[in-house]
Amino acid sequence: MRQLVLLPILFVLLVSCSSDSASADPIEEQMYFPPSDGNVVWETKSIASLGWNQNAVQPLLDYLELKHSKSFIVLLNGRIVMENYFNGHTATSPWYWASAGKTLTSTVTGIAQQEGLLNLNDKVSDYLGPGWTSAPLAKENLITCKNLLSMNSGLDDTLGDEVSPANLQYVADSGTRWAYHNVYVKLQDVVASASGQTWSSYFNSKLRDRIGMTGTWNPNGGLSVYYSNSRSMARFGLLALNKGEWNTTQVVNEAYFNAATSTSQNINLGYGYLWWLNGKASYHLPQTQLQINGSIIPTAPNDMFMALGKNDQKIYVIPSKKMVIIRMGDAADNVNLALSDFDATLWQKIKALYE
């Protein structure tokens, strides 16, 4: 059963006398940020006021429900255009981000650097001490914080999810091999060590609470997985759209955010600092060393960058459209780590809304 959240329009549309005012360019509209004090008020924008295709809404919702979605949100200039819940999920239901939460770790690492607590170019062992891997010491000392952000640590990605020293084994020198690896989570230990706080405490005070998110980090083996409601994910997407700025406050500096959402190494062009990047000449998938030519999601805008997680958890950020799109749920098809064919079809249906 699909549940549709109907929100009141909480702002005044200034309509000109021109007969085509409804189709005026929404990109020029001022950016909106919802209150960060826990207030549930969030401004909305209707499909009709944008001149979008109302006939494309139901096919999109039907597809989302068919593909085991739990929630779907579209923001334009920060305002909610669509907010839908499916299959018993509600606006207050928590759900896991899976690897989409890697981008939270990326962002908080940037905050710790701007506070002078760490440097991305420092070796990880400066913060964790020697022996945090099973690599020879000389090889371990090559691995920097930036390598963990860029997924080119050179550690073996075939040994499963564990990030104990015994499971972090040398394959290649850092910087010479890209592999999607859970070793990134050691950045949370780096931040904790550098700040003298627990990871959760530092995250909550420096990021979560500043933009009005809710949610918690829950242990999962050696990993830490974030759970929140869908609007909290949308808040983080809005921060990303604005390059680390939240309502005139620069939560993480723009230079870092630009680097995080640009190609971070020369092997997987479609990967930044734990963000996936659309529109590049080639990319690599998790668990493969094969290079695939072309854009990750050819049906989506080329400037889009993405937080992607297991079982199709999605944050799509599209700067050229001033849009953020959230999808939470179970796997659309077969269980997958991050990318799936679901993205391409979903984007065909999303574009039908506004093209």
Protein backbone atom coordinates (compact mmCIF):
# COMPACT_ATOMS: atom_id res chain seq x y z
CA MET A 1 0.00 0.00 0.00
CA ARG A 2 1.42 3.36 -1.03
CA GLN A 3 1.24 6.25 1.39
CA LEU A 4 1.43 9.77 -0.04
CA VAL A 5 2.43 12.61 2.23
CA LEU A 6 0.44 15.72 1.34
CA LEU A 7 2.14 18.87 2.56
CA PRO A 8 0.66 22.37 2.62
CA ILE A 9 2.22 25.00 0.47
CA LEU A 10 4.00 27.15 3.04
CA PHE A 11 5.21 29.94 0.83
CA VAL A 12 3.72 32.41 -1.59
CA LEU A 13 4.26 31.89 -5.30
CA LEU A 14 4.97 35.19 -6.94
CA VAL A 15 3.32 34.87 -10.32
CA SER A 16 3.88 37.45 -13.04
CA CYS A 17 1.18 38.63 -15.40
CA SER A 18 2.76 36.64 -18.21
CA SER A 19 0.71 33.66 -19.36
CA ASP A 20 3.79 31.41 -19.34
CA SER A 21 4.78 32.20 -15.75
CA ALA A 22 4.22 28.60 -14.61
CA SER A 23 7.04 27.45 -16.86
CA ALA A 24 9.51 30.11 -15.68
CA ASP A 25 12.98 28.75 -15.01
CA PRO A 26 12.95 27.31 -11.46
CA ILE A 27 16.75 27.33 -11.40
CA GLU A 28 16.68 31.08 -10.66
CA GLU A 29 14.57 30.61 -7.53
CA GLN A 30 16.29 31.26 -4.21
CA MET A 31 17.61 28.18 -2.43
CA TYR A 32 15.56 27.05 0.56
CA PHE A 33 16.82 25.30 3.69
CA PRO A 34 14.35 23.68 6.12
CA PRO A 35 14.70 24.68 9.79
CA SER A 36 17.50 22.88 11.65
CA ASP A 37 15.79 22.92 15.04
CA GLY A 38 13.67 19.80 14.56
CA ASN A 39 10.72 21.74 13.17
CA VAL A 40 8.83 19.52 10.72
CA VAL A 41 7.90 22.45 8.45
CA TRP A 42 9.43 22.07 4.98
CA GLU A 43 8.41 24.25 2.05
CA THR A 44 6.96 22.54 -0.99
CA LYS A 45 6.55 23.16 -4.70
CA SER A 46 3.83 21.58 -6.81
CA ILE A 47 4.29 19.73 -10.08
CA ALA A 48 1.73 22.07 -11.66
CA SER A 49 3.48 25.26 -10.56
CA LEU A 50 6.67 24.04 -12.20
CA GLY A 51 4.97 23.21 -15.48
CA TRP A 52 6.19 19.62 -15.15
CA ASN A 53 4.40 16.65 -16.70
CA GLN A 54 1.72 15.47 -14.28
CA ASN A 55 1.11 12.42 -16.50
CA ALA A 56 4.62 11.17 -15.70
CA VAL A 57 4.02 11.03 -11.95
CA GLN A 58 1.96 7.85 -11.72
CA PRO A 59 4.23 5.72 -13.95
CA LEU A 60 7.17 6.80 -11.77
CA LEU A 61 5.34 5.92 -8.55
CA ASP A 62 4.17 2.59 -9.96
CA TYR A 63 7.73 1.71 -10.94
CA LEU A 64 9.10 2.69 -7.51
CA GLU A 65 6.49 0.56 -5.76
CA LEU A 66 7.09 -2.37 -8.11
CA LYS A 67 10.82 -2.18 -7.37
CA HIS A 68 10.43 -2.53 -3.58
CA SER A 69 10.98 1.12 -2.72
CA LYS A 70 10.21 2.45 0.75
CA SER A 71 10.58 6.17 0.13
CA PHE A 72 11.18 8.67 -2.66
CA ILE A 73 11.82 12.39 -2.35
CA VAL A 74 12.51 15.05 -4.99
CA LEU A 75 13.86 18.44 -3.91
CA LEU A 76 14.12 21.43 -6.22
CA ASN A 77 16.03 24.40 -4.80
CA GLY A 78 15.56 22.70 -1.44
CA ARG A 79 11.76 22.54 -1.66
CA ILE A 80 9.89 19.23 -1.70
CA VAL A 81 8.28 18.51 -5.08
CA MET A 82 7.52 14.83 -4.40
CA GLU A 83 7.55 12.88 -1.14
CA ASN A 84 6.14 9.38 -1.28
CA TYR A 85 6.25 6.33 0.98
CA PHE A 86 5.51 2.74 0.03
CA ASN A 87 4.98 -0.72 1.48
CA GLY A 88 4.22 0.35 5.04
CA HIS A 89 7.15 2.77 5.35
CA THR A 90 6.39 6.22 6.78
CA ALA A 91 8.01 9.63 7.11
CA THR A 92 9.30 8.69 10.58
CA SER A 93 10.53 5.17 9.76
CA PRO A 94 14.30 4.72 10.02
CA TRP A 95 16.14 2.84 7.28
CA TYR A 96 19.77 2.06 6.60
CA TRP A 97 21.93 4.09 4.25
CA ALA A 98 24.32 1.19 3.61
CA SER A 99 27.26 2.44 1.54
CA ALA A 100 25.47 5.69 0.73
CA GLY A 101 26.65 6.57 4.23
CA LYS A 102 30.25 6.52 3.03
CA THR A 103 29.62 10.10 1.94
CA LEU A 104 28.88 11.03 5.56
CA THR A 105 32.33 9.73 6.48
CA SER A 106 33.86 11.68 3.60
CA THR A 107 32.18 14.91 4.71
CA VAL A 108 33.12 14.58 8.37
CA THR A 109 36.72 13.79 7.39
CA GLY A 110 36.72 17.10 5.52
CA ILE A 111 35.37 18.90 8.59
CA ALA A 112 38.12 17.38 10.76
CA GLN A 113 40.73 18.56 8.26
CA GLN A 114 39.40 22.13 8.18
CA GLU A 115 39.54 22.17 11.98
CA GLY A 116 43.23 21.24 11.77
CA LEU A 117 42.75 17.86 13.42
CA LEU A 118 44.11 15.84 10.51
CA ASN A 119 45.61 16.13 7.05
CA LEU A 120 44.46 13.99 4.14
CA ASN A 121 48.05 13.54 3.01
CA ASP A 122 49.14 12.08 6.34
CA LYS A 123 49.60 8.34 6.55
CA VAL A 124 46.82 6.52 8.36
CA SER A 125 49.29 5.03 10.84
CA ASP A 126 50.00 8.56 12.14
CA TYR A 127 46.57 8.31 13.79
CA LEU A 128 46.04 4.57 14.27
CA GLY A 129 49.61 3.51 14.96
CA PRO A 130 51.57 0.82 13.08
CA GLY A 131 50.04 -2.60 12.52
CA TRP A 132 46.50 -1.52 11.63
CA THR A 133 46.96 -3.73 8.53
CA SER A 134 48.84 -6.95 7.78
CA ALA A 135 50.83 -5.21 5.06
CA PRO A 136 54.61 -4.92 5.44
CA LEU A 137 55.33 -1.79 7.46
CA ALA A 138 56.90 0.01 4.52
CA LYS A 139 53.78 -0.63 2.43
CA GLU A 140 51.38 0.26 5.24
CA ASN A 141 53.18 3.58 5.63
CA LEU A 142 52.32 4.43 2.01
CA ILE A 143 48.59 4.47 2.78
CA THR A 144 47.25 7.97 3.42
CA CYS A 145 43.87 9.21 4.55
CA LYS A 146 43.31 10.36 0.98
CA ASN A 147 43.88 6.80 -0.24
CA LEU A 148 41.04 5.60 2.00
CA LEU A 149 38.77 8.35 0.65
CA SER A 150 39.68 7.48 -2.95
CA MET A 151 39.50 3.66 -2.60
CA ASN A 152 43.08 3.17 -3.79
CA SER A 153 44.73 1.89 -0.62
CA GLY A 154 46.20 -1.13 -2.43
CA LEU A 155 44.71 -3.52 0.13
CA ASP A 156 43.03 -6.78 -0.88
CA ASP A 157 39.30 -6.30 -1.55
CA THR A 158 38.54 -10.04 -1.94
CA LEU A 159 38.71 -11.03 1.73
CA GLY A 160 35.22 -9.97 2.82
CA ASP A 161 33.86 -7.17 4.95
CA GLU A 162 36.10 -7.48 7.99
CA VAL A 163 38.57 -4.66 8.60
CA SER A 164 40.68 -6.33 11.28
CA PRO A 165 44.44 -6.21 10.63
CA ALA A 166 44.42 -9.87 9.60
CA ASN A 167 41.92 -9.06 6.85
CA LEU A 168 43.71 -5.99 5.53
CA GLN A 169 46.40 -7.49 3.34
CA TYR A 170 48.73 -5.95 0.79
CA VAL A 171 48.07 -6.41 -2.93
CA ALA A 172 49.62 -3.33 -4.52
CA ASP A 173 51.23 -0.07 -3.52
CA SER A 174 48.70 2.56 -2.54
CA GLY A 175 47.65 4.76 -5.43
CA THR A 176 48.29 2.10 -8.08
CA ARG A 177 45.08 0.04 -7.83
CA TRP A 178 41.42 1.06 -7.31
CA ALA A 179 39.16 -1.33 -5.42
CA TYR A 180 35.88 -0.81 -3.60
CA HIS A 181 36.82 -1.77 -0.04
CA ASN A 182 35.34 -1.38 3.43
CA VAL A 183 38.72 -0.22 4.72
CA TYR A 184 37.36 3.31 4.23
CA VAL A 185 35.67 2.86 7.65
CA LYS A 186 39.07 3.25 9.31
CA LEU A 187 38.65 6.97 8.59
CA GLN A 188 36.08 6.98 11.38
CA ASP A 189 38.81 5.71 13.72
CA VAL A 190 41.16 8.36 12.36
CA VAL A 191 38.64 11.13 13.12
CA ALA A 192 37.96 9.71 16.58
CA SER A 193 41.68 9.56 17.35
CA ALA A 194 42.37 13.03 15.97
CA SER A 195 39.43 14.66 17.77
CA GLY A 196 39.64 12.81 21.08
CA GLN A 197 35.92 12.03 20.77
CA THR A 198 33.93 9.02 19.72
CA TRP A 199 33.06 8.96 16.03
CA SER A 200 29.34 9.32 16.77
CA SER A 201 29.84 12.26 19.11
CA TYR A 202 32.01 14.16 16.62
CA PHE A 203 29.65 13.35 13.73
CA ASN A 204 26.57 14.46 15.67
CA SER A 205 27.99 17.79 16.78
CA LYS A 206 29.83 18.74 13.59
CA LEU A 207 27.37 17.53 10.94
CA ARG A 208 24.11 15.88 12.00
CA ASP A 209 22.85 18.45 14.48
CA ARG A 210 24.00 21.44 12.43
CA ILE A 211 21.69 20.60 9.52
CA GLY A 212 18.79 19.17 11.50
CA MET A 213 19.30 15.52 10.66
CA THR A 214 18.28 12.69 12.95
CA GLY A 215 19.66 9.17 13.00
CA THR A 216 22.27 6.91 14.57
CA TRP A 217 25.32 4.86 13.67
CA ASN A 218 24.75 1.17 14.36
CA PRO A 219 27.55 -1.40 14.50
CA ASN A 220 27.47 -4.10 11.84
CA GLY A 221 30.42 -6.43 12.21
CA GLY A 222 33.50 -4.24 11.91
CA LEU A 223 31.50 -1.56 10.11
CA SER A 224 29.27 1.25 11.24
CA VAL A 225 26.01 1.75 9.30
CA TYR A 226 23.88 4.88 9.46
CA TYR A 227 20.10 4.69 9.96
CA SER A 228 17.76 7.65 9.60
CA ASN A 229 14.44 8.73 8.16
CA SER A 230 14.28 9.77 4.53
CA ARG A 231 14.12 13.51 5.17
CA SER A 232 17.42 13.33 7.04
CA MET A 233 18.97 11.80 3.95
CA ALA A 234 17.40 14.61 1.92
CA ARG A 235 18.91 17.22 4.26
CA PHE A 236 22.37 15.80 3.66
CA GLY A 237 21.74 15.79 -0.09
CA LEU A 238 20.78 19.46 0.13
CA LEU A 239 24.04 20.21 1.95
CA ALA A 240 25.88 18.44 -0.86
CA LEU A 241 23.99 20.38 -3.54
CA ASN A 242 25.19 23.57 -1.87
CA LYS A 243 28.81 22.43 -1.68
CA GLY A 244 28.92 22.13 2.07
CA GLU A 245 26.90 25.26 2.87
CA TRP A 246 23.76 25.20 4.99
CA ASN A 247 21.72 28.38 5.08
CA THR A 248 24.76 30.75 4.93
CA THR A 249 26.87 28.56 7.25
CA GLN A 250 29.77 26.71 5.61
CA VAL A 251 29.64 23.35 7.40
CA VAL A 252 32.51 21.93 5.32
CA ASN A 253 34.55 24.19 3.10
CA GLU A 254 33.70 24.43 -0.57
CA ALA A 255 37.20 23.58 -1.79
CA TYR A 256 37.06 20.24 0.01
CA PHE A 257 33.58 19.51 -1.28
CA ASN A 258 34.64 20.30 -4.83
CA ALA A 259 37.54 17.87 -4.47
CA ALA A 260 35.28 15.24 -2.92
CA THR A 261 32.91 15.37 -5.89
CA SER A 262 35.63 15.35 -8.56
CA THR A 263 37.68 12.42 -9.86
CA SER A 264 40.06 11.53 -7.02
CA GLN A 265 42.55 9.31 -8.87
CA ASN A 266 43.34 8.31 -12.46
CA ILE A 267 42.04 4.72 -12.38
CA ASN A 268 38.31 4.97 -11.68
CA LEU A 269 37.30 8.30 -13.20
CA GLY A 270 33.79 7.85 -11.82
CA TYR A 271 34.86 8.06 -8.17
CA GLY A 272 35.63 11.00 -5.89
CA TYR A 273 36.04 10.91 -2.11
CA LEU A 274 33.51 8.12 -1.49
CA TRP A 275 31.10 9.78 -3.96
CA TRP A 276 30.21 8.24 -7.33
CA LEU A 277 30.45 10.62 -10.30
CA ASN A 278 28.29 10.48 -13.39
CA GLY A 279 29.24 11.68 -16.86
CA LYS A 280 32.88 10.56 -16.89
CA ALA A 281 34.62 8.84 -19.80
CA SER A 282 34.86 5.53 -17.90
CA TYR A 283 34.32 3.92 -14.51
CA HIS A 284 34.93 0.75 -12.50
CA LEU A 285 32.31 -1.30 -10.66
CA PRO A 286 32.77 -2.79 -7.18
CA GLN A 287 34.50 -6.18 -7.08
CA THR A 288 36.03 -5.87 -10.53
CA GLN A 289 39.16 -4.45 -12.07
CA LEU A 290 37.46 -3.98 -15.43
CA GLN A 291 37.19 -0.52 -16.91
CA ILE A 292 33.79 0.27 -18.42
CA ASN A 293 33.66 3.05 -20.95
CA GLY A 294 30.97 5.71 -20.76
CA SER A 295 28.88 7.32 -18.05
CA ILE A 296 27.67 5.31 -15.04
CA ILE A 297 24.02 6.24 -15.68
CA PRO A 298 23.73 7.37 -19.32
CA THR A 299 20.08 8.38 -18.88
CA ALA A 300 20.93 10.81 -16.05
CA PRO A 301 22.54 14.27 -16.19
CA ASN A 302 26.29 14.20 -16.69
CA ASP A 303 27.02 16.54 -13.79
CA MET A 304 25.24 14.34 -11.25
CA PHE A 305 27.16 12.93 -8.30
CA MET A 306 25.78 10.16 -6.13
CA ALA A 307 25.80 8.43 -2.77
CA LEU A 308 24.97 4.82 -3.55
CA GLY A 309 24.42 1.93 -1.16
CA LYS A 310 23.62 -1.74 -1.11
CA ASN A 311 20.07 -2.64 -2.12
CA ASP A 312 19.59 0.62 -4.02
CA GLN A 313 19.88 3.29 -1.35
CA LYS A 314 20.34 6.48 -3.40
CA ILE A 315 21.18 10.14 -3.06
CA TYR A 316 21.32 11.78 -6.48
CA VAL A 317 22.63 15.37 -6.53
CA ILE A 318 22.22 17.29 -9.80
CA PRO A 319 23.76 20.79 -9.62
CA SER A 320 22.62 21.85 -13.12
CA LYS A 321 18.99 21.15 -12.15
CA LYS A 322 19.30 22.31 -8.51
CA MET A 323 17.81 18.94 -7.61
CA VAL A 324 18.30 16.29 -4.95
CA ILE A 325 16.57 12.91 -5.25
CA ILE A 326 16.34 10.27 -2.52
CA ARG A 327 15.37 6.63 -2.82
CA MET A 328 15.38 4.19 0.11
CA GLY A 329 14.17 0.61 0.10
CA ASP A 330 14.94 -3.00 -0.54
CA ALA A 331 16.89 -4.13 -3.58
CA ALA A 332 15.06 -3.27 -6.79
CA ASP A 333 16.12 -6.55 -8.36
CA ASN A 334 18.91 -8.80 -7.15
CA VAL A 335 20.98 -7.77 -4.13
CA ASN A 336 23.72 -5.40 -5.23
CA LEU A 337 26.52 -3.41 -3.63
CA ALA A 338 25.82 0.02 -5.07
CA LEU A 339 25.10 0.27 -8.80
CA SER A 340 22.35 -1.53 -10.69
CA ASP A 341 20.27 -1.44 -13.89
CA PHE A 342 17.52 0.08 -11.75
CA ASP A 343 19.25 3.47 -11.97
CA ALA A 344 18.97 3.75 -15.74
CA THR A 345 15.25 2.96 -15.91
CA LEU A 346 14.46 5.08 -12.88
CA TRP A 347 16.15 8.05 -14.52
CA GLN A 348 14.14 7.65 -17.70
CA LYS A 349 11.02 8.02 -15.59
CA ILE A 350 12.40 10.93 -13.54
CA LYS A 351 13.37 12.87 -16.68
CA ALA A 352 9.87 12.36 -18.05
CA LEU A 353 8.69 14.59 -15.20
CA TYR A 354 10.59 17.68 -16.27
CA GLU A 355 11.66 17.28 -19.91
